Protein backbone atom coordinates (compact mmCIF):
# COMPACT_ATOMS: atom_id res chain seq x y z
CA UNK A 1 122.92 -59.33 -204.52
CA UNK A 2 124.93 -56.20 -205.32
CA UNK A 3 128.11 -57.72 -203.89
CA UNK A 4 127.61 -60.80 -206.06
CA UNK A 5 126.93 -58.70 -209.19
CA UNK A 6 130.04 -56.60 -208.58
CA UNK A 7 132.20 -59.68 -207.91
CA UNK A 8 131.15 -61.28 -211.20
CA UNK A 9 131.81 -58.02 -213.07
CA UNK A 10 135.31 -57.82 -211.54
CA UNK A 11 136.32 -61.28 -212.77
CA UNK A 12 138.74 -61.64 -215.65
CA UNK A 13 138.36 -65.21 -216.87
CA UNK A 14 141.34 -66.63 -218.76
CA UNK A 15 140.38 -68.09 -222.13
CA UNK A 16 143.45 -69.09 -224.05
CA UNK A 17 145.82 -66.13 -224.25
CA UNK A 18 143.06 -63.62 -223.45
CA UNK A 19 140.86 -62.73 -220.52
CA UNK A 20 137.16 -62.16 -220.89
CA UNK A 21 134.81 -60.24 -218.67
CA UNK A 22 131.23 -61.18 -217.95
CA UNK A 23 128.34 -59.49 -216.22
CA UNK A 24 125.21 -60.76 -214.56
CA UNK A 25 121.67 -59.64 -214.02
CA UNK A 26 119.84 -60.70 -210.87
CA UNK A 27 116.16 -60.75 -210.08
CA UNK A 28 115.23 -60.82 -206.39
CA UNK A 29 112.04 -61.37 -204.43
CA UNK A 30 111.50 -60.82 -200.71
CA UNK A 31 109.93 -64.10 -199.61
CA UNK A 32 107.22 -63.45 -197.03
CA UNK A 33 105.58 -66.84 -197.07
CA UNK A 34 103.43 -68.60 -199.57
CA UNK A 35 104.44 -71.02 -202.27
CA UNK A 36 108.18 -71.16 -203.03
CA UNK A 37 107.28 -71.81 -206.66
CA UNK A 38 105.50 -68.42 -206.78
CA UNK A 39 108.59 -66.71 -205.34
CA UNK A 40 110.78 -68.28 -208.02
CA UNK A 41 108.39 -67.21 -210.79
CA UNK A 42 108.33 -63.65 -209.43
CA UNK A 43 112.14 -63.54 -209.12
CA UNK A 44 112.35 -64.78 -212.70
CA UNK A 45 110.08 -61.93 -213.82
CA UNK A 46 112.41 -59.50 -212.04
CA UNK A 47 115.41 -61.08 -213.77
CA UNK A 48 113.93 -60.58 -217.22
CA UNK A 49 113.03 -57.00 -216.28
CA UNK A 50 116.70 -56.45 -215.34
CA UNK A 51 117.83 -57.77 -218.70
CA UNK A 52 115.31 -55.58 -220.53
CA UNK A 53 116.61 -52.53 -218.68
CA UNK A 54 120.14 -53.03 -219.97
CA UNK A 55 121.64 -55.99 -218.14
CA UNK A 56 124.32 -56.05 -215.42
CA UNK A 57 121.88 -54.92 -212.77
CA UNK A 58 119.64 -56.05 -209.94
CA UNK A 59 115.88 -55.67 -210.02
CA UNK A 60 113.55 -56.51 -207.14
CA UNK A 61 110.15 -57.96 -207.97
CA UNK A 62 107.32 -55.49 -207.55
CA UNK A 63 103.72 -56.68 -207.87
CA UNK A 64 101.75 -54.92 -210.60
């Protein structure tokens, strides 16, 4: 996940005569069985936590 985040941050996307930079936030969940839908919901929670913490970061889901 960190390699992906860093690769996106390193991009310089040409838009007309300029180049723009983007960043990404990633939420991850270690899937240990159970419903895949639950894993996706938990990863989504981690993603929104990453955005709330300042974006351009990775946050792993941690149960409350």
